[in-house]
Amino acid sequence: MSNAHVRLLGPDLPNPLVLPVQPTDTISGLKEKALSNWPSGMEVPLLGQLKILHLGRFVNDTQLLKDCKVAEGETTAMHLIVKTQVSRPADAPSGSDDKVPKCSCLVC
């Protein structure tokens, strides 16, 4: 049994999630644990919507927790972000239309 933990913090969580982990677990496995321990009363996101940040960088799903300095007997803080999947309406202008401004500033 592991005595390593990851503390997931983020704007999409009302309280940090503290999860028991093994240093040999992957980031993908950490995301799965986060979903299985998702706070009740909140909409559970899809696995692909979860992004993990450690030391200011997004980490790859295949990366091992030990590569993120997760060690036995320690709690490591990471940030969890839920990326919302915004679908574009079919009648939305494409970025290739030269008559449509490319930004929302007042100058263009």
N, C-alpha and C. Protein backbone atom coordinates (compact mmCIF):
# COMPACT_ATOMS: atom_id res chain seq x y z
N MET A 1 0.85 -1.18 0.00
CA MET A 1 0.00 0.00 0.00
C MET A 1 0.89 1.24 0.00
N SER A 2 0.49 2.23 -0.76
CA SER A 2 1.29 3.44 -0.91
C SER A 2 1.02 4.43 0.21
N ASN A 3 2.06 5.17 0.57
CA ASN A 3 1.85 6.28 1.48
C ASN A 3 2.21 7.59 0.79
N ALA A 4 2.25 7.57 -0.55
CA ALA A 4 2.41 8.79 -1.34
C ALA A 4 1.02 9.32 -1.67
N HIS A 5 0.90 10.64 -1.73
CA HIS A 5 -0.38 11.27 -2.05
C HIS A 5 -0.17 12.41 -3.03
N VAL A 6 -1.20 12.66 -3.84
CA VAL A 6 -1.23 13.84 -4.69
C VAL A 6 -2.42 14.67 -4.25
N ARG A 7 -2.17 15.94 -4.03
CA ARG A 7 -3.21 16.89 -3.64
C ARG A 7 -3.55 17.70 -4.89
N LEU A 8 -4.75 17.48 -5.43
CA LEU A 8 -5.18 18.19 -6.63
C LEU A 8 -5.95 19.44 -6.24
N LEU A 9 -5.49 20.57 -6.72
CA LEU A 9 -6.10 21.87 -6.45
C LEU A 9 -6.57 22.45 -7.77
N GLY A 10 -7.56 23.30 -7.72
CA GLY A 10 -7.96 23.97 -8.95
C GLY A 10 -9.25 24.73 -8.82
N PRO A 11 -9.48 25.63 -9.77
CA PRO A 11 -10.68 26.45 -9.74
C PRO A 11 -11.96 25.67 -9.96
N ASP A 12 -11.85 24.47 -10.50
CA ASP A 12 -13.04 23.66 -10.78
C ASP A 12 -13.39 22.72 -9.64
N LEU A 13 -12.61 22.76 -8.56
CA LEU A 13 -12.87 21.91 -7.40
C LEU A 13 -13.22 22.78 -6.20
N PRO A 14 -14.30 22.44 -5.47
CA PRO A 14 -14.64 23.23 -4.29
C PRO A 14 -13.62 23.05 -3.17
N ASN A 15 -13.04 21.86 -3.08
CA ASN A 15 -12.03 21.53 -2.07
C ASN A 15 -10.96 20.67 -2.75
N PRO A 16 -9.73 20.73 -2.26
CA PRO A 16 -8.69 19.89 -2.86
C PRO A 16 -9.03 18.40 -2.76
N LEU A 17 -8.64 17.65 -3.77
CA LEU A 17 -8.76 16.19 -3.74
C LEU A 17 -7.40 15.64 -3.32
N VAL A 18 -7.36 14.85 -2.26
CA VAL A 18 -6.12 14.21 -1.83
C VAL A 18 -6.26 12.72 -2.15
N LEU A 19 -5.41 12.25 -3.06
CA LEU A 19 -5.54 10.89 -3.56
C LEU A 19 -4.30 10.06 -3.24
N PRO A 20 -4.49 8.83 -2.73
CA PRO A 20 -3.34 7.95 -2.53
C PRO A 20 -2.86 7.44 -3.89
N VAL A 21 -1.55 7.46 -4.09
CA VAL A 21 -0.98 7.06 -5.38
C VAL A 21 0.29 6.25 -5.17
N GLN A 22 0.72 5.62 -6.23
CA GLN A 22 2.02 4.97 -6.31
C GLN A 22 2.89 5.84 -7.22
N PRO A 23 4.15 6.02 -6.92
CA PRO A 23 5.03 6.79 -7.81
C PRO A 23 5.09 6.22 -9.23
N THR A 24 4.77 4.93 -9.38
CA THR A 24 4.79 4.30 -10.70
C THR A 24 3.48 4.48 -11.46
N ASP A 25 2.46 5.13 -10.86
CA ASP A 25 1.22 5.43 -11.56
C ASP A 25 1.48 6.48 -12.63
N THR A 26 0.63 6.49 -13.66
CA THR A 26 0.73 7.51 -14.71
C THR A 26 -0.20 8.67 -14.41
N ILE A 27 -0.01 9.75 -15.13
CA ILE A 27 -0.90 10.90 -15.02
C ILE A 27 -2.31 10.50 -15.43
N SER A 28 -2.43 9.65 -16.43
CA SER A 28 -3.74 9.16 -16.85
C SER A 28 -4.43 8.41 -15.71
N GLY A 29 -3.67 7.59 -14.99
CA GLY A 29 -4.22 6.87 -13.83
C GLY A 29 -4.65 7.84 -12.73
N LEU A 30 -3.88 8.91 -12.56
CA LEU A 30 -4.25 9.93 -11.57
C LEU A 30 -5.57 10.59 -11.95
N LYS A 31 -5.75 10.87 -13.23
CA LYS A 31 -7.01 11.48 -13.70
C LYS A 31 -8.18 10.54 -13.44
N GLU A 32 -7.98 9.23 -13.68
CA GLU A 32 -9.04 8.25 -13.43
C GLU A 32 -9.40 8.21 -11.95
N LYS A 33 -8.39 8.29 -11.07
CA LYS A 33 -8.66 8.32 -9.63
C LYS A 33 -9.42 9.58 -9.25
N ALA A 34 -9.07 10.69 -9.88
CA ALA A 34 -9.75 11.95 -9.60
C ALA A 34 -11.23 11.85 -9.98
N LEU A 35 -11.51 11.25 -11.14
CA LEU A 35 -12.90 11.09 -11.57
C LEU A 35 -13.67 10.17 -10.63
N SER A 36 -13.03 9.09 -10.16
CA SER A 36 -13.74 8.17 -9.27
C SER A 36 -13.96 8.77 -7.88
N ASN A 37 -13.23 9.84 -7.55
CA ASN A 37 -13.40 10.52 -6.27
C ASN A 37 -13.97 11.93 -6.46
N TRP A 38 -14.61 12.17 -7.60
CA TRP A 38 -15.12 13.51 -7.92
C TRP A 38 -16.15 13.93 -6.87
N PRO A 39 -16.13 15.19 -6.47
CA PRO A 39 -17.07 15.66 -5.43
C PRO A 39 -18.53 15.43 -5.83
N SER A 40 -19.30 14.92 -4.90
CA SER A 40 -20.72 14.67 -5.17
C SER A 40 -21.43 16.01 -5.36
N GLY A 41 -22.45 15.99 -6.18
CA GLY A 41 -23.21 17.21 -6.45
C GLY A 41 -22.64 18.03 -7.59
N MET A 42 -21.49 17.62 -8.12
CA MET A 42 -20.88 18.32 -9.24
C MET A 42 -20.95 17.44 -10.48
N GLU A 43 -21.10 18.08 -11.64
CA GLU A 43 -21.10 17.33 -12.89
C GLU A 43 -19.72 16.72 -13.11
N VAL A 44 -19.68 15.44 -13.40
CA VAL A 44 -18.41 14.74 -13.60
C VAL A 44 -17.96 14.96 -15.04
N PRO A 45 -16.77 15.52 -15.24
CA PRO A 45 -16.28 15.76 -16.60
C PRO A 45 -15.81 14.47 -17.26
N LEU A 46 -15.51 14.55 -18.53
CA LEU A 46 -14.93 13.43 -19.25
C LEU A 46 -13.43 13.37 -18.96
N LEU A 47 -12.86 12.20 -19.06
CA LEU A 47 -11.44 12.02 -18.80
C LEU A 47 -10.59 12.94 -19.68
N GLY A 48 -10.97 13.09 -20.94
CA GLY A 48 -10.22 13.93 -21.87
C GLY A 48 -10.28 15.41 -21.56
N GLN A 49 -11.22 15.82 -20.72
CA GLN A 49 -11.33 17.23 -20.35
C GLN A 49 -10.37 17.62 -19.23
N LEU A 50 -9.82 16.63 -18.52
CA LEU A 50 -8.95 16.92 -17.38
C LEU A 50 -7.53 17.19 -17.85
N LYS A 51 -6.95 18.26 -17.33
CA LYS A 51 -5.56 18.61 -17.60
C LYS A 51 -4.86 18.79 -16.25
N ILE A 52 -3.68 18.23 -16.13
CA ILE A 52 -2.90 18.31 -14.89
C ILE A 52 -1.69 19.21 -15.12
N LEU A 53 -1.48 20.13 -14.19
CA LEU A 53 -0.30 20.99 -14.22
C LEU A 53 0.56 20.68 -13.02
N HIS A 54 1.86 20.65 -13.25
CA HIS A 54 2.81 20.47 -12.15
C HIS A 54 3.99 21.39 -12.41
N LEU A 55 4.31 22.20 -11.42
CA LEU A 55 5.39 23.18 -11.52
C LEU A 55 5.21 24.09 -12.74
N GLY A 56 3.95 24.47 -12.98
CA GLY A 56 3.65 25.42 -14.05
C GLY A 56 3.60 24.85 -15.45
N ARG A 57 3.68 23.54 -15.59
CA ARG A 57 3.65 22.92 -16.92
C ARG A 57 2.60 21.82 -16.99
N PHE A 58 1.95 21.74 -18.16
CA PHE A 58 1.03 20.64 -18.39
C PHE A 58 1.85 19.36 -18.49
N VAL A 59 1.34 18.29 -17.88
CA VAL A 59 2.06 17.01 -17.94
C VAL A 59 1.31 16.05 -18.84
N ASN A 60 2.08 15.22 -19.52
CA ASN A 60 1.56 14.26 -20.48
C ASN A 60 0.89 13.10 -19.75
N ASP A 61 -0.17 12.55 -20.33
CA ASP A 61 -0.90 11.43 -19.71
C ASP A 61 -0.04 10.20 -19.48
N THR A 62 0.98 9.99 -20.28
CA THR A 62 1.81 8.79 -20.15
C THR A 62 2.95 8.98 -19.16
N GLN A 63 3.14 10.19 -18.68
CA GLN A 63 4.23 10.47 -17.74
C GLN A 63 3.97 9.80 -16.40
N LEU A 64 5.03 9.27 -15.79
CA LEU A 64 4.93 8.63 -14.48
C LEU A 64 4.97 9.70 -13.38
N LEU A 65 4.26 9.42 -12.29
CA LEU A 65 4.25 10.37 -11.18
C LEU A 65 5.64 10.55 -10.58
N LYS A 66 6.46 9.51 -10.60
CA LYS A 66 7.82 9.64 -10.05
C LYS A 66 8.64 10.65 -10.86
N ASP A 67 8.30 10.83 -12.14
CA ASP A 67 8.97 11.83 -12.96
C ASP A 67 8.55 13.25 -12.56
N CYS A 68 7.45 13.35 -11.83
CA CYS A 68 6.96 14.64 -11.30
C CYS A 68 7.38 14.81 -9.85
N LYS A 69 8.37 14.04 -9.42
CA LYS A 69 8.91 14.12 -8.06
C LYS A 69 7.93 13.66 -6.99
N VAL A 70 6.98 12.79 -7.35
CA VAL A 70 6.09 12.19 -6.35
C VAL A 70 6.87 11.05 -5.70
N ALA A 71 7.03 11.13 -4.38
CA ALA A 71 7.84 10.15 -3.67
C ALA A 71 7.05 9.55 -2.51
N GLU A 72 7.44 8.34 -2.12
CA GLU A 72 6.82 7.67 -0.98
C GLU A 72 6.91 8.55 0.26
N GLY A 73 5.84 8.60 1.04
CA GLY A 73 5.83 9.34 2.28
C GLY A 73 5.60 10.83 2.13
N GLU A 74 5.36 11.30 0.91
CA GLU A 74 5.18 12.73 0.68
C GLU A 74 3.84 13.00 -0.01
N THR A 75 3.38 14.23 0.16
CA THR A 75 2.20 14.70 -0.56
C THR A 75 2.67 15.75 -1.55
N THR A 76 2.33 15.56 -2.82
CA THR A 76 2.74 16.46 -3.88
C THR A 76 1.52 17.21 -4.39
N ALA A 77 1.64 18.52 -4.50
CA ALA A 77 0.53 19.33 -5.00
C ALA A 77 0.61 19.46 -6.52
N MET A 78 -0.54 19.31 -7.15
CA MET A 78 -0.68 19.51 -8.60
C MET A 78 -1.97 20.25 -8.83
N HIS A 79 -2.09 20.88 -9.98
CA HIS A 79 -3.31 21.61 -10.32
C HIS A 79 -4.11 20.81 -11.33
N LEU A 80 -5.41 20.80 -11.13
CA LEU A 80 -6.34 20.11 -12.01
C LEU A 80 -7.23 21.14 -12.67
N ILE A 81 -7.24 21.12 -13.99
CA ILE A 81 -8.06 22.04 -14.77
C ILE A 81 -9.04 21.22 -15.60
N VAL A 82 -10.29 21.66 -15.64
CA VAL A 82 -11.29 21.02 -16.49
C VAL A 82 -11.46 21.91 -17.71
N LYS A 83 -11.05 21.40 -18.86
CA LYS A 83 -11.18 22.14 -20.12
C LYS A 83 -12.58 21.87 -20.66
N THR A 84 -13.37 22.91 -20.80
CA THR A 84 -14.70 22.74 -21.35
C THR A 84 -14.59 22.57 -22.85
N GLN A 85 -15.40 21.70 -23.38
CA GLN A 85 -15.38 21.46 -24.82
C GLN A 85 -16.46 22.32 -25.46
N VAL A 86 -16.03 23.39 -26.07
CA VAL A 86 -16.96 24.32 -26.70
C VAL A 86 -17.09 23.91 -28.16
N SER A 87 -18.31 23.58 -28.54
CA SER A 87 -18.54 23.24 -29.94
C SER A 87 -18.95 24.49 -30.70
N ARG A 88 -18.44 24.62 -31.88
CA ARG A 88 -18.71 25.79 -32.70
C ARG A 88 -19.98 25.55 -33.51
N PRO A 89 -20.91 26.51 -33.53
CA PRO A 89 -22.13 26.33 -34.31
C PRO A 89 -21.81 26.17 -35.79
N ALA A 90 -22.64 25.43 -36.50
CA ALA A 90 -22.41 25.16 -37.92
C ALA A 90 -22.43 26.44 -38.75
N ASP A 91 -23.21 27.45 -38.31
CA ASP A 91 -23.29 28.69 -39.09
C ASP A 91 -22.25 29.72 -38.65
N ALA A 92 -21.32 29.35 -37.79
CA ALA A 92 -20.28 30.27 -37.35
C ALA A 92 -19.30 30.53 -38.49
N PRO A 93 -18.85 31.77 -38.63
CA PRO A 93 -17.90 32.06 -39.72
C PRO A 93 -16.57 31.35 -39.48
N SER A 94 -15.98 30.92 -40.56
CA SER A 94 -14.68 30.25 -40.44
C SER A 94 -13.58 31.29 -40.35
N GLY A 95 -12.44 30.89 -39.88
CA GLY A 95 -11.30 31.79 -39.75
C GLY A 95 -10.72 32.19 -41.09
N SER A 96 -11.12 31.53 -42.18
CA SER A 96 -10.56 31.83 -43.49
C SER A 96 -11.36 32.89 -44.25
N ASP A 97 -12.48 33.34 -43.71
CA ASP A 97 -13.29 34.36 -44.37
C ASP A 97 -12.62 35.72 -44.17
N ASP A 98 -12.15 36.35 -45.27
CA ASP A 98 -11.41 37.60 -45.18
C ASP A 98 -12.25 38.79 -44.73
N LYS A 99 -13.57 38.69 -44.84
CA LYS A 99 -14.44 39.82 -44.47
C LYS A 99 -14.78 39.85 -42.99
N VAL A 100 -14.47 38.77 -42.28
CA VAL A 100 -14.78 38.68 -40.86
C VAL A 100 -13.54 39.07 -40.08
N PRO A 101 -13.67 40.02 -39.11
CA PRO A 101 -12.50 40.39 -38.31
C PRO A 101 -11.93 39.18 -37.59
N LYS A 102 -10.62 39.12 -37.47
CA LYS A 102 -9.94 37.98 -36.84
C LYS A 102 -9.90 38.10 -35.32
N CYS A 103 -10.21 39.28 -34.79
CA CYS A 103 -10.19 39.46 -33.34
C CYS A 103 -11.41 40.27 -32.93
N SER A 104 -11.54 40.49 -31.64
CA SER A 104 -12.70 41.22 -31.15
C SER A 104 -12.35 42.62 -30.67
N CYS A 105 -11.17 43.12 -31.03
CA CYS A 105 -10.81 44.47 -30.60
C CYS A 105 -11.59 45.52 -31.40
N LEU A 106 -11.58 46.73 -30.97
CA LEU A 106 -12.33 47.79 -31.64
C LEU A 106 -11.61 48.37 -32.84
N VAL A 107 -10.33 48.09 -32.99
CA VAL A 107 -9.55 48.66 -34.09
C VAL A 107 -9.82 47.91 -35.40
N CYS A 108 -9.96 46.62 -35.36
CA CYS A 108 -10.10 45.81 -36.58
C CYS A 108 -11.39 46.06 -37.29
